[in-house]
Amino acid sequence: MPVFIGFSEIIFIVAIFFLLFGSKNIPEMARFLGKGIRDIRKVAGEVKKQITEDEAPERGAEAANPKEKQS
């Protein structure tokens, strides 16, 4: 079941956010959140690269000996 948020709900959420955290803290929190997301993407990319590098020799060996099957 999809959840649809209307314009009035978004305005309400933003207003509550401003009341809770204040206008001075929001840019600081956004910067922190952006840095965290950037770091997570960087680490995920490094892990993905490492996995593909580790699998590359195995794929090469399978291509050289296609009749041999691994258990």
N, C-alpha and C. Protein backbone atom coordinates (compact mmCIF):
# COMPACT_ATOMS: atom_id res chain seq x y z
N MET A 1 0.83 -1.16 0.00
CA MET A 1 0.00 0.00 0.00
C MET A 1 0.89 1.25 0.00
N PRO A 2 0.86 2.05 -1.04
CA PRO A 2 1.70 3.24 -1.10
C PRO A 2 1.19 4.33 -0.14
N VAL A 3 2.13 5.06 0.39
CA VAL A 3 1.79 6.15 1.30
C VAL A 3 2.04 7.46 0.56
N PHE A 4 1.01 8.28 0.47
CA PHE A 4 1.14 9.56 -0.21
C PHE A 4 1.11 10.68 0.82
N ILE A 5 2.07 11.57 0.72
CA ILE A 5 2.15 12.71 1.62
C ILE A 5 1.81 13.95 0.80
N GLY A 6 0.84 14.68 1.24
CA GLY A 6 0.41 15.89 0.55
C GLY A 6 1.26 17.09 0.92
N PHE A 7 0.99 18.19 0.23
CA PHE A 7 1.75 19.42 0.44
C PHE A 7 1.56 19.94 1.86
N SER A 8 0.35 19.87 2.38
CA SER A 8 0.09 20.39 3.73
C SER A 8 0.83 19.57 4.79
N GLU A 9 0.94 18.27 4.58
CA GLU A 9 1.68 17.44 5.53
C GLU A 9 3.17 17.77 5.52
N ILE A 10 3.70 18.03 4.33
CA ILE A 10 5.12 18.39 4.22
C ILE A 10 5.38 19.71 4.93
N ILE A 11 4.51 20.70 4.72
CA ILE A 11 4.65 22.00 5.39
C ILE A 11 4.59 21.82 6.91
N PHE A 12 3.67 20.99 7.38
CA PHE A 12 3.53 20.73 8.81
C PHE A 12 4.81 20.10 9.37
N ILE A 13 5.37 19.14 8.68
CA ILE A 13 6.60 18.47 9.14
C ILE A 13 7.76 19.45 9.18
N VAL A 14 7.89 20.29 8.16
CA VAL A 14 8.97 21.29 8.13
C VAL A 14 8.81 22.29 9.27
N ALA A 15 7.58 22.72 9.54
CA ALA A 15 7.33 23.67 10.63
C ALA A 15 7.71 23.06 11.97
N ILE A 16 7.33 21.81 12.20
CA ILE A 16 7.69 21.13 13.45
C ILE A 16 9.21 20.99 13.56
N PHE A 17 9.85 20.67 12.44
CA PHE A 17 11.30 20.53 12.41
C PHE A 17 11.97 21.85 12.82
N PHE A 18 11.49 22.98 12.27
CA PHE A 18 12.04 24.29 12.63
C PHE A 18 11.80 24.60 14.11
N LEU A 19 10.64 24.27 14.61
CA LEU A 19 10.35 24.54 16.02
C LEU A 19 11.23 23.71 16.96
N LEU A 20 11.46 22.48 16.60
CA LEU A 20 12.26 21.60 17.46
C LEU A 20 13.74 21.94 17.46
N PHE A 21 14.29 22.23 16.28
CA PHE A 21 15.74 22.38 16.16
C PHE A 21 16.22 23.80 15.95
N GLY A 22 15.36 24.69 15.57
CA GLY A 22 15.76 26.08 15.36
C GLY A 22 16.45 26.27 14.02
N SER A 23 16.39 27.49 13.53
CA SER A 23 16.93 27.76 12.19
C SER A 23 18.46 27.75 12.15
N LYS A 24 19.11 27.93 13.29
CA LYS A 24 20.58 27.94 13.30
C LYS A 24 21.17 26.54 13.24
N ASN A 25 20.47 25.56 13.80
CA ASN A 25 20.99 24.20 13.85
C ASN A 25 20.71 23.39 12.59
N ILE A 26 19.72 23.78 11.81
CA ILE A 26 19.34 22.98 10.65
C ILE A 26 20.45 22.90 9.60
N PRO A 27 21.12 24.01 9.21
CA PRO A 27 22.22 23.86 8.24
C PRO A 27 23.35 22.98 8.75
N GLU A 28 23.63 23.07 10.04
CA GLU A 28 24.67 22.24 10.63
C GLU A 28 24.29 20.76 10.58
N MET A 29 23.03 20.46 10.87
CA MET A 29 22.56 19.08 10.82
C MET A 29 22.54 18.56 9.38
N ALA A 30 22.16 19.41 8.44
CA ALA A 30 22.14 19.00 7.03
C ALA A 30 23.56 18.71 6.55
N ARG A 31 24.51 19.52 6.96
CA ARG A 31 25.91 19.29 6.59
C ARG A 31 26.40 17.96 7.15
N PHE A 32 26.07 17.69 8.39
CA PHE A 32 26.46 16.44 9.04
C PHE A 32 25.82 15.24 8.34
N LEU A 33 24.54 15.36 8.01
CA LEU A 33 23.84 14.29 7.32
C LEU A 33 24.43 14.06 5.92
N GLY A 34 24.72 15.13 5.20
CA GLY A 34 25.32 15.00 3.87
C GLY A 34 26.69 14.34 3.92
N LYS A 35 27.48 14.71 4.91
CA LYS A 35 28.81 14.10 5.05
C LYS A 35 28.68 12.62 5.37
N GLY A 36 27.72 12.27 6.22
CA GLY A 36 27.51 10.86 6.56
C GLY A 36 27.09 10.04 5.36
N ILE A 37 26.18 10.58 4.55
CA ILE A 37 25.73 9.87 3.35
C ILE A 37 26.88 9.73 2.36
N ARG A 38 27.69 10.78 2.21
CA ARG A 38 28.84 10.73 1.31
C ARG A 38 29.83 9.66 1.75
N ASP A 39 30.09 9.58 3.06
CA ASP A 39 31.00 8.57 3.59
C ASP A 39 30.47 7.16 3.37
N ILE A 40 29.18 6.98 3.58
CA ILE A 40 28.59 5.65 3.37
C ILE A 40 28.70 5.23 1.91
N ARG A 41 28.43 6.16 0.98
CA ARG A 41 28.55 5.84 -0.45
C ARG A 41 29.99 5.52 -0.82
N LYS A 42 30.93 6.24 -0.23
CA LYS A 42 32.35 6.00 -0.53
C LYS A 42 32.76 4.60 -0.07
N VAL A 43 32.38 4.24 1.14
CA VAL A 43 32.72 2.92 1.68
C VAL A 43 32.03 1.82 0.86
N ALA A 44 30.77 2.04 0.50
CA ALA A 44 30.04 1.05 -0.30
C ALA A 44 30.72 0.85 -1.65
N GLY A 45 31.18 1.92 -2.26
CA GLY A 45 31.89 1.82 -3.54
C GLY A 45 33.20 1.05 -3.40
N GLU A 46 33.92 1.31 -2.30
CA GLU A 46 35.17 0.60 -2.07
C GLU A 46 34.93 -0.89 -1.85
N VAL A 47 33.89 -1.22 -1.11
CA VAL A 47 33.57 -2.64 -0.86
C VAL A 47 33.17 -3.32 -2.17
N LYS A 48 32.36 -2.64 -2.97
CA LYS A 48 31.94 -3.21 -4.25
C LYS A 48 33.15 -3.42 -5.17
N LYS A 49 34.06 -2.46 -5.19
CA LYS A 49 35.27 -2.59 -6.01
C LYS A 49 36.12 -3.77 -5.53
N GLN A 50 36.26 -3.91 -4.22
CA GLN A 50 37.05 -5.01 -3.67
C GLN A 50 36.42 -6.36 -4.01
N ILE A 51 35.11 -6.45 -3.94
CA ILE A 51 34.42 -7.70 -4.27
C ILE A 51 34.63 -8.05 -5.74
N THR A 52 34.50 -7.08 -6.64
CA THR A 52 34.69 -7.37 -8.06
C THR A 52 36.13 -7.74 -8.35
N GLU A 53 37.09 -7.13 -7.65
CA GLU A 53 38.50 -7.48 -7.85
C GLU A 53 38.78 -8.90 -7.36
N ASP A 54 38.15 -9.29 -6.26
CA ASP A 54 38.35 -10.64 -5.72
C ASP A 54 37.71 -11.71 -6.61
N GLU A 55 36.60 -11.38 -7.26
CA GLU A 55 35.91 -12.34 -8.12
C GLU A 55 36.53 -12.44 -9.50
N ALA A 56 37.28 -11.43 -9.94
CA ALA A 56 37.84 -11.42 -11.29
C ALA A 56 38.76 -12.61 -11.57
N PRO A 57 39.70 -12.96 -10.68
CA PRO A 57 40.55 -14.14 -10.97
C PRO A 57 39.76 -15.44 -11.04
N GLU A 58 38.73 -15.56 -10.20
CA GLU A 58 37.91 -16.77 -10.22
C GLU A 58 37.17 -16.91 -11.54
N ARG A 59 36.66 -15.82 -12.06
CA ARG A 59 35.95 -15.85 -13.33
C ARG A 59 36.90 -16.19 -14.47
N GLY A 60 38.13 -15.70 -14.38
CA GLY A 60 39.11 -16.02 -15.41
C GLY A 60 39.46 -17.49 -15.42
N ALA A 61 39.56 -18.10 -14.25
CA ALA A 61 39.86 -19.53 -14.14
C ALA A 61 38.70 -20.35 -14.67
N GLU A 62 37.48 -19.93 -14.42
CA GLU A 62 36.30 -20.65 -14.92
C GLU A 62 36.22 -20.58 -16.44
N ALA A 63 36.61 -19.44 -16.99
CA ALA A 63 36.57 -19.29 -18.46
C ALA A 63 37.64 -20.14 -19.13
N ALA A 64 38.78 -20.31 -18.45
CA ALA A 64 39.87 -21.12 -19.02
C ALA A 64 39.54 -22.59 -19.01
N ASN A 65 38.79 -23.06 -17.99
CA ASN A 65 38.43 -24.47 -17.84
C ASN A 65 36.91 -24.59 -17.74
N PRO A 66 36.18 -24.42 -18.81
CA PRO A 66 34.72 -24.44 -18.69
C PRO A 66 34.15 -25.82 -18.39
N LYS A 67 34.86 -26.91 -18.64
CA LYS A 67 34.33 -28.25 -18.41
C LYS A 67 34.39 -28.64 -16.95
N GLU A 68 35.30 -28.03 -16.20
CA GLU A 68 35.41 -28.33 -14.78
C GLU A 68 34.33 -27.56 -14.05
N LYS A 69 33.59 -28.25 -13.22
CA LYS A 69 32.54 -27.61 -12.43
C LYS A 69 32.95 -27.62 -10.98
N GLN A 70 32.68 -26.49 -10.35
CA GLN A 70 33.01 -26.38 -8.92
C GLN A 70 31.82 -26.85 -8.12
N SER A 71 32.10 -27.50 -6.99
CA SER A 71 31.03 -27.99 -6.11
C SER A 71 30.58 -26.91 -5.17
